[in-house]
């Protein structure tokens, strides 16, 4: 499981995480959808996080220019938490 780090101030993306071993980049969009992008080099993760840390830069623009339509991706199913049994 990839830990997502919060991204603030973006109108499109609110979380990002990376697994350097598998080179999978996880992006959580403001809609709540999480996508995993395959074979992403570490400098892309470094770049999106640096962009997120700079209020003068756009995370959405970085995503559009460097990630979208450049890597294979898969939408992740939301985790379903079991309901507590009735008391």
Protein backbone atom coordinates (compact mmCIF):
# COMPACT_ATOMS: atom_id res chain seq x y z
CA UNK A 1 0.00 0.00 0.00
CA UNK A 2 1.31 3.42 -0.96
CA UNK A 3 1.06 6.18 1.64
CA UNK A 4 -0.50 9.30 0.17
CA UNK A 5 0.85 12.66 1.27
CA UNK A 6 -1.59 15.54 1.37
CA UNK A 7 -1.35 18.19 -1.32
CA UNK A 8 -2.98 21.52 -0.54
CA UNK A 9 -4.05 24.31 -2.82
CA UNK A 10 -4.68 22.27 -5.97
CA UNK A 11 -8.06 22.39 -7.67
CA UNK A 12 -7.50 18.87 -9.06
CA UNK A 13 -5.23 16.79 -6.82
CA UNK A 14 -5.19 16.42 -3.03
CA UNK A 15 -2.80 13.50 -2.46
CA UNK A 16 0.28 11.87 -3.91
CA UNK A 17 2.47 8.91 -2.99
CA UNK A 18 5.22 6.85 -4.57
CA UNK A 19 6.72 3.39 -4.26
CA UNK A 20 10.31 3.57 -5.55
CA UNK A 21 10.68 -0.21 -5.70
CA UNK A 22 7.71 -0.81 -8.03
CA UNK A 23 7.89 2.73 -9.51
CA UNK A 24 4.17 3.24 -8.96
CA UNK A 25 2.90 6.79 -8.47
CA UNK A 26 -0.43 7.13 -6.67
CA UNK A 27 -2.53 10.24 -7.25
CA UNK A 28 -5.71 11.08 -5.31
CA UNK A 29 -7.94 13.55 -7.09
CA UNK A 30 -10.29 15.96 -5.33
CA UNK A 31 -13.18 13.70 -6.41
CA UNK A 32 -11.72 11.04 -4.09
CA UNK A 33 -10.66 8.76 -6.95
CA UNK A 34 -7.17 7.24 -6.63
CA UNK A 35 -5.17 6.21 -9.68
CA UNK A 36 -1.91 4.27 -9.78
CA UNK A 37 0.50 5.13 -12.60
CA UNK A 38 3.02 2.44 -13.60
CA UNK A 39 6.75 2.71 -14.40
CA UNK A 40 7.06 6.30 -13.23
CA UNK A 41 10.66 7.40 -12.69
CA UNK A 42 11.45 8.88 -9.27
CA UNK A 43 12.14 12.35 -10.69
CA UNK A 44 8.47 12.65 -11.66
CA UNK A 45 7.44 12.07 -8.03
CA UNK A 46 10.11 14.50 -6.85
CA UNK A 47 8.86 17.03 -9.40
CA UNK A 48 5.19 16.86 -8.42
CA UNK A 49 6.05 17.15 -4.72
CA UNK A 50 8.36 20.13 -5.38
CA UNK A 51 5.58 21.73 -7.42
CA UNK A 52 3.11 21.14 -4.58
CA UNK A 53 5.49 22.88 -2.15
CA UNK A 54 5.68 26.01 -4.32
CA UNK A 55 2.52 28.16 -4.13
CA UNK A 56 3.53 29.87 -7.38
CA UNK A 57 3.31 26.60 -9.33
CA UNK A 58 0.34 24.48 -10.46
CA UNK A 59 0.17 20.81 -9.49
CA UNK A 60 -2.57 20.27 -12.06
CA UNK A 61 -0.40 21.76 -14.80
CA UNK A 62 2.55 19.56 -13.75
CA UNK A 63 0.25 16.52 -13.84
CA UNK A 64 -1.06 17.44 -17.29
CA UNK A 65 2.39 18.05 -18.74
CA UNK A 66 4.32 15.20 -17.13
CA UNK A 67 1.98 12.37 -16.11
CA UNK A 68 -1.40 12.41 -17.87
CA UNK A 69 -1.41 10.25 -21.02
CA UNK A 70 2.28 9.41 -20.49
CA UNK A 71 2.01 6.38 -18.18
CA UNK A 72 -0.29 3.39 -17.95
CA UNK A 73 -2.72 3.77 -15.08
CA UNK A 74 -5.38 1.92 -13.16
CA UNK A 75 -8.17 3.32 -11.02
CA UNK A 76 -8.05 1.88 -7.53
CA UNK A 77 -11.18 0.55 -5.90
CA UNK A 78 -12.06 2.35 -2.65
CA UNK A 79 -11.42 0.45 0.52
CA UNK A 80 -14.63 -0.95 1.91
CA UNK A 81 -14.74 -1.01 5.69
CA UNK A 82 -16.90 -3.74 7.19
CA UNK A 83 -19.89 -2.54 9.08
CA UNK A 84 -19.88 -3.02 12.83
CA UNK A 85 -22.25 -5.74 13.98
CA UNK A 86 -25.45 -4.48 15.60
CA UNK A 87 -25.14 -3.92 19.32
